[in-house]
Amino acid sequence: MRHDMRSTMTAVLERNTVVREDFATEPYELPWAAEARFFVQALEADGALAFRTEISPDGLHWCPLDESEHRIDSPGLITWPVSGFGQWLRVRCTVAPGAVAKLRIYLVGKG
């Protein structure tokens, strides 16, 4: 009986980044991954932030993966799964007026 080991990787997209305005992470290419998961850790947060997964066919032109939005407004950790994405992923963050946060954002891929 053969047991294939699945490949996994973790990329740190943002590390201790202070945000006060809307932004998108750098794109990450995962053509081999069957599934992925984003983790957003708010080390500090004062005000609401909303996160959406974006996908791209080429790493240059972007659109939302779906209508899902993930929110955080206090220190803590949120996560969500991603599937059916093709190969390029990133996160877009919308920052509420007056909000400020210190973030870490991770992307985990599994193939």
N, C-alpha and C. Protein backbone atom coordinates (compact mmCIF):
# COMPACT_ATOMS: atom_id res chain seq x y z
N MET A 1 0.85 -1.18 0.00
CA MET A 1 0.00 0.00 0.00
C MET A 1 0.89 1.23 0.00
N ARG A 2 0.56 2.17 -0.87
CA ARG A 2 1.36 3.40 -0.99
C ARG A 2 0.64 4.54 -0.27
N HIS A 3 1.37 5.27 0.55
CA HIS A 3 0.83 6.44 1.25
C HIS A 3 1.58 7.67 0.80
N ASP A 4 0.93 8.51 0.01
CA ASP A 4 1.56 9.73 -0.45
C ASP A 4 1.42 10.81 0.61
N MET A 5 2.52 11.49 0.84
CA MET A 5 2.53 12.58 1.80
C MET A 5 2.06 13.85 1.08
N ARG A 6 1.09 14.53 1.66
CA ARG A 6 0.62 15.78 1.06
C ARG A 6 1.62 16.89 1.33
N SER A 7 1.78 17.76 0.35
CA SER A 7 2.67 18.91 0.51
C SER A 7 1.94 20.02 1.25
N THR A 8 2.65 20.70 2.13
CA THR A 8 2.11 21.87 2.80
C THR A 8 3.17 22.96 2.84
N MET A 9 2.72 24.20 2.94
CA MET A 9 3.64 25.32 3.10
C MET A 9 2.89 26.45 3.81
N THR A 10 3.64 27.27 4.51
CA THR A 10 3.09 28.46 5.16
C THR A 10 3.89 29.67 4.71
N ALA A 11 3.18 30.69 4.23
CA ALA A 11 3.82 31.95 3.84
C ALA A 11 3.34 33.05 4.76
N VAL A 12 4.26 33.88 5.22
CA VAL A 12 3.91 35.05 6.01
C VAL A 12 3.77 36.22 5.03
N LEU A 13 2.53 36.70 4.86
CA LEU A 13 2.26 37.77 3.90
C LEU A 13 2.43 39.15 4.53
N GLU A 14 2.13 39.28 5.79
CA GLU A 14 2.32 40.53 6.54
C GLU A 14 2.85 40.16 7.92
N ARG A 15 3.84 40.90 8.40
CA ARG A 15 4.43 40.63 9.71
C ARG A 15 4.49 41.91 10.52
N ASN A 16 3.65 42.00 11.56
CA ASN A 16 3.62 43.15 12.46
C ASN A 16 3.40 44.46 11.70
N THR A 17 2.53 44.40 10.71
CA THR A 17 2.24 45.55 9.85
C THR A 17 1.15 46.41 10.49
N VAL A 18 1.42 47.71 10.63
CA VAL A 18 0.43 48.64 11.17
C VAL A 18 -0.37 49.19 9.99
N VAL A 19 -1.70 49.04 10.07
CA VAL A 19 -2.58 49.49 8.98
C VAL A 19 -3.55 50.55 9.48
N ARG A 20 -3.74 51.57 8.64
CA ARG A 20 -4.68 52.65 8.91
C ARG A 20 -5.59 52.91 7.71
N GLU A 21 -5.28 52.25 6.59
CA GLU A 21 -6.06 52.44 5.37
C GLU A 21 -6.14 51.12 4.61
N ASP A 22 -7.04 51.07 3.64
CA ASP A 22 -7.26 49.86 2.85
C ASP A 22 -5.96 49.43 2.16
N PHE A 23 -5.80 48.11 2.03
CA PHE A 23 -4.61 47.58 1.35
C PHE A 23 -4.89 46.16 0.86
N ALA A 24 -4.00 45.66 0.02
CA ALA A 24 -4.01 44.27 -0.41
C ALA A 24 -2.62 43.69 -0.15
N THR A 25 -2.57 42.43 0.25
CA THR A 25 -1.28 41.78 0.45
C THR A 25 -0.60 41.55 -0.90
N GLU A 26 0.67 41.25 -0.85
CA GLU A 26 1.37 40.82 -2.06
C GLU A 26 0.73 39.52 -2.54
N PRO A 27 0.67 39.30 -3.84
CA PRO A 27 0.10 38.05 -4.36
C PRO A 27 0.99 36.87 -4.04
N TYR A 28 0.36 35.71 -3.93
CA TYR A 28 1.11 34.48 -3.70
C TYR A 28 0.62 33.42 -4.67
N GLU A 29 1.55 32.74 -5.32
CA GLU A 29 1.21 31.74 -6.32
C GLU A 29 1.23 30.34 -5.71
N LEU A 30 0.12 29.62 -5.84
CA LEU A 30 -0.01 28.27 -5.30
C LEU A 30 -0.61 27.32 -6.34
N PRO A 31 0.01 27.12 -7.50
CA PRO A 31 -0.60 26.29 -8.54
C PRO A 31 -0.74 24.83 -8.15
N TRP A 32 0.06 24.35 -7.23
CA TRP A 32 0.06 22.95 -6.82
C TRP A 32 -0.95 22.66 -5.71
N ALA A 33 -1.46 23.69 -5.05
CA ALA A 33 -2.30 23.48 -3.86
C ALA A 33 -3.75 23.16 -4.24
N ALA A 34 -4.31 22.18 -3.56
CA ALA A 34 -5.72 21.83 -3.73
C ALA A 34 -6.60 22.67 -2.82
N GLU A 35 -6.01 23.16 -1.74
CA GLU A 35 -6.75 23.98 -0.79
C GLU A 35 -5.78 24.92 -0.09
N ALA A 36 -6.34 25.96 0.51
CA ALA A 36 -5.53 26.93 1.24
C ALA A 36 -6.35 27.47 2.41
N ARG A 37 -5.67 28.19 3.29
CA ARG A 37 -6.33 28.80 4.45
C ARG A 37 -5.57 30.07 4.81
N PHE A 38 -6.33 31.15 5.00
CA PHE A 38 -5.75 32.39 5.49
C PHE A 38 -5.92 32.46 7.01
N PHE A 39 -4.91 33.02 7.68
CA PHE A 39 -4.98 33.34 9.10
C PHE A 39 -4.65 34.82 9.23
N VAL A 40 -5.47 35.57 9.93
CA VAL A 40 -5.19 36.98 10.22
C VAL A 40 -5.14 37.13 11.73
N GLN A 41 -4.00 37.56 12.24
CA GLN A 41 -3.83 37.79 13.66
C GLN A 41 -3.73 39.29 13.89
N ALA A 42 -4.66 39.81 14.68
CA ALA A 42 -4.60 41.22 15.08
C ALA A 42 -3.88 41.27 16.42
N LEU A 43 -2.66 41.77 16.42
CA LEU A 43 -1.91 41.92 17.66
C LEU A 43 -2.45 43.09 18.46
N GLU A 44 -2.88 44.10 17.72
CA GLU A 44 -3.54 45.28 18.29
C GLU A 44 -4.64 45.65 17.30
N ALA A 45 -5.78 46.09 17.80
CA ALA A 45 -6.85 46.52 16.90
C ALA A 45 -7.77 47.49 17.63
N ASP A 46 -8.04 48.61 16.97
CA ASP A 46 -8.97 49.62 17.47
C ASP A 46 -9.83 50.04 16.28
N GLY A 47 -10.97 49.40 16.13
CA GLY A 47 -11.84 49.65 14.99
C GLY A 47 -11.94 48.42 14.12
N ALA A 48 -12.88 48.45 13.18
CA ALA A 48 -13.20 47.27 12.37
C ALA A 48 -12.35 47.18 11.10
N LEU A 49 -11.95 45.96 10.80
CA LEU A 49 -11.28 45.63 9.56
C LEU A 49 -12.01 44.46 8.91
N ALA A 50 -12.17 44.51 7.59
CA ALA A 50 -12.85 43.44 6.85
C ALA A 50 -11.88 42.89 5.81
N PHE A 51 -11.87 41.57 5.66
CA PHE A 51 -10.95 40.89 4.76
C PHE A 51 -11.71 40.05 3.75
N ARG A 52 -11.25 40.09 2.49
CA ARG A 52 -11.83 39.29 1.41
C ARG A 52 -10.71 38.61 0.64
N THR A 53 -10.96 37.39 0.23
CA THR A 53 -10.02 36.66 -0.61
C THR A 53 -10.17 37.12 -2.05
N GLU A 54 -9.04 37.41 -2.70
CA GLU A 54 -9.05 37.75 -4.11
C GLU A 54 -8.23 36.73 -4.89
N ILE A 55 -8.64 36.49 -6.15
CA ILE A 55 -7.95 35.54 -7.02
C ILE A 55 -7.57 36.23 -8.32
N SER A 56 -6.61 35.61 -9.03
CA SER A 56 -6.12 36.19 -10.28
C SER A 56 -5.65 35.08 -11.22
N PRO A 57 -5.86 35.25 -12.52
CA PRO A 57 -5.32 34.27 -13.47
C PRO A 57 -3.83 34.48 -13.76
N ASP A 58 -3.32 35.69 -13.45
CA ASP A 58 -1.96 36.02 -13.85
C ASP A 58 -1.15 36.77 -12.78
N GLY A 59 -1.72 37.03 -11.62
CA GLY A 59 -1.02 37.77 -10.58
C GLY A 59 -1.05 39.28 -10.78
N LEU A 60 -1.76 39.75 -11.81
CA LEU A 60 -1.83 41.18 -12.11
C LEU A 60 -3.25 41.74 -12.02
N HIS A 61 -4.21 40.97 -12.46
CA HIS A 61 -5.61 41.40 -12.51
C HIS A 61 -6.41 40.59 -11.50
N TRP A 62 -7.18 41.27 -10.65
CA TRP A 62 -7.77 40.64 -9.47
C TRP A 62 -9.29 40.78 -9.43
N CYS A 63 -9.92 39.78 -8.80
CA CYS A 63 -11.35 39.84 -8.53
C CYS A 63 -11.63 39.07 -7.24
N PRO A 64 -12.75 39.36 -6.58
CA PRO A 64 -13.09 38.62 -5.36
C PRO A 64 -13.34 37.14 -5.69
N LEU A 65 -12.92 36.24 -4.81
CA LEU A 65 -13.20 34.82 -4.96
C LEU A 65 -14.70 34.56 -4.82
N ASP A 66 -15.31 35.22 -3.82
CA ASP A 66 -16.73 35.06 -3.55
C ASP A 66 -17.20 36.28 -2.76
N GLU A 67 -18.36 36.20 -2.17
CA GLU A 67 -18.92 37.32 -1.43
C GLU A 67 -18.56 37.30 0.06
N SER A 68 -17.82 36.29 0.49
CA SER A 68 -17.49 36.15 1.92
C SER A 68 -16.59 37.28 2.40
N GLU A 69 -16.91 37.79 3.58
CA GLU A 69 -16.11 38.83 4.23
C GLU A 69 -15.84 38.38 5.65
N HIS A 70 -14.62 38.59 6.11
CA HIS A 70 -14.20 38.14 7.44
C HIS A 70 -13.77 39.37 8.22
N ARG A 71 -14.30 39.53 9.43
CA ARG A 71 -14.10 40.76 10.19
C ARG A 71 -13.37 40.51 11.51
N ILE A 72 -12.63 41.55 11.89
CA ILE A 72 -11.99 41.56 13.20
C ILE A 72 -11.98 43.00 13.70
N ASP A 73 -12.23 43.20 15.00
CA ASP A 73 -12.24 44.56 15.55
C ASP A 73 -11.57 44.65 16.92
N SER A 74 -10.91 43.56 17.32
CA SER A 74 -10.17 43.54 18.57
C SER A 74 -9.04 42.53 18.42
N PRO A 75 -8.05 42.56 19.32
CA PRO A 75 -6.95 41.59 19.20
C PRO A 75 -7.48 40.16 19.19
N GLY A 76 -6.90 39.33 18.34
CA GLY A 76 -7.32 37.94 18.22
C GLY A 76 -6.91 37.37 16.88
N LEU A 77 -7.41 36.17 16.59
CA LEU A 77 -7.05 35.44 15.39
C LEU A 77 -8.32 34.99 14.67
N ILE A 78 -8.38 35.23 13.35
CA ILE A 78 -9.47 34.70 12.53
C ILE A 78 -8.86 33.87 11.41
N THR A 79 -9.65 32.96 10.85
CA THR A 79 -9.18 32.11 9.78
C THR A 79 -10.34 31.72 8.89
N TRP A 80 -10.02 31.41 7.62
CA TRP A 80 -11.05 30.90 6.72
C TRP A 80 -10.40 30.06 5.63
N PRO A 81 -11.13 29.03 5.16
CA PRO A 81 -10.61 28.17 4.11
C PRO A 81 -10.84 28.78 2.74
N VAL A 82 -10.01 28.36 1.77
CA VAL A 82 -10.11 28.83 0.39
C VAL A 82 -9.97 27.61 -0.52
N SER A 83 -10.88 27.49 -1.48
CA SER A 83 -10.78 26.41 -2.46
C SER A 83 -11.28 26.92 -3.81
N GLY A 84 -10.96 26.19 -4.87
CA GLY A 84 -11.38 26.57 -6.20
C GLY A 84 -10.78 27.88 -6.68
N PHE A 85 -9.51 28.13 -6.35
CA PHE A 85 -8.91 29.44 -6.59
C PHE A 85 -7.97 29.51 -7.79
N GLY A 86 -7.70 28.44 -8.46
CA GLY A 86 -6.73 28.50 -9.57
C GLY A 86 -5.32 28.49 -9.02
N GLN A 87 -4.57 29.61 -9.17
CA GLN A 87 -3.20 29.58 -8.67
C GLN A 87 -2.75 30.83 -7.91
N TRP A 88 -3.34 31.99 -8.12
CA TRP A 88 -2.90 33.21 -7.45
C TRP A 88 -3.90 33.62 -6.39
N LEU A 89 -3.40 33.97 -5.19
CA LEU A 89 -4.23 34.40 -4.06
C LEU A 89 -3.66 35.65 -3.42
N ARG A 90 -4.53 36.44 -2.84
CA ARG A 90 -4.13 37.54 -1.95
C ARG A 90 -5.35 37.90 -1.10
N VAL A 91 -5.14 38.75 -0.11
CA VAL A 91 -6.21 39.25 0.75
C VAL A 91 -6.33 40.75 0.57
N ARG A 92 -7.56 41.23 0.43
CA ARG A 92 -7.83 42.67 0.42
C ARG A 92 -8.45 43.02 1.77
N CYS A 93 -7.95 44.08 2.39
CA CYS A 93 -8.43 44.54 3.69
C CYS A 93 -9.06 45.92 3.54
N THR A 94 -10.27 46.06 4.07
CA THR A 94 -10.94 47.35 4.13
C THR A 94 -10.92 47.81 5.58
N VAL A 95 -10.38 48.99 5.81
CA VAL A 95 -10.21 49.53 7.17
C VAL A 95 -11.27 50.61 7.40
N ALA A 96 -12.04 50.46 8.47
CA ALA A 96 -13.07 51.44 8.80
C ALA A 96 -12.42 52.79 9.10
N PRO A 97 -13.11 53.90 8.84
CA PRO A 97 -12.55 55.23 9.13
C PRO A 97 -12.11 55.34 10.60
N GLY A 98 -10.88 55.79 10.80
CA GLY A 98 -10.34 55.96 12.15
C GLY A 98 -9.78 54.70 12.78
N ALA A 99 -9.94 53.55 12.14
CA ALA A 99 -9.43 52.29 12.70
C ALA A 99 -7.92 52.18 12.48
N VAL A 100 -7.28 51.46 13.37
CA VAL A 100 -5.86 51.17 13.25
C VAL A 100 -5.62 49.78 13.84
N ALA A 101 -4.72 49.01 13.23
CA ALA A 101 -4.44 47.67 13.72
C ALA A 101 -3.01 47.28 13.37
N LYS A 102 -2.48 46.37 14.15
CA LYS A 102 -1.16 45.77 13.89
C LYS A 102 -1.43 44.30 13.56
N LEU A 103 -1.05 43.87 12.35
CA LEU A 103 -1.46 42.57 11.84
C LEU A 103 -0.31 41.67 11.46
N ARG A 104 -0.61 40.36 11.54
CA ARG A 104 0.16 39.32 10.90
C ARG A 104 -0.82 38.56 10.02
N ILE A 105 -0.43 38.29 8.78
CA ILE A 105 -1.30 37.54 7.87
C ILE A 105 -0.50 36.38 7.30
N TYR A 106 -1.07 35.17 7.44
CA TYR A 106 -0.42 33.94 6.97
C TYR A 106 -1.31 33.29 5.91
N LEU A 107 -0.66 32.61 4.97
CA LEU A 107 -1.35 31.79 3.97
C LEU A 107 -0.76 30.39 4.06
N VAL A 108 -1.62 29.40 4.28
CA VAL A 108 -1.20 28.00 4.34
C VAL A 108 -1.77 27.28 3.12
N GLY A 109 -0.93 26.61 2.36
CA GLY A 109 -1.37 25.83 1.22
C GLY A 109 -1.15 24.36 1.46
N LYS A 110 -2.05 23.53 0.93
CA LYS A 110 -1.95 22.10 1.09
C LYS A 110 -2.31 21.44 -0.25
N GLY A 111 -1.46 20.52 -0.70
CA GLY A 111 -1.70 19.90 -1.99
C GLY A 111 -1.82 18.41 -1.91
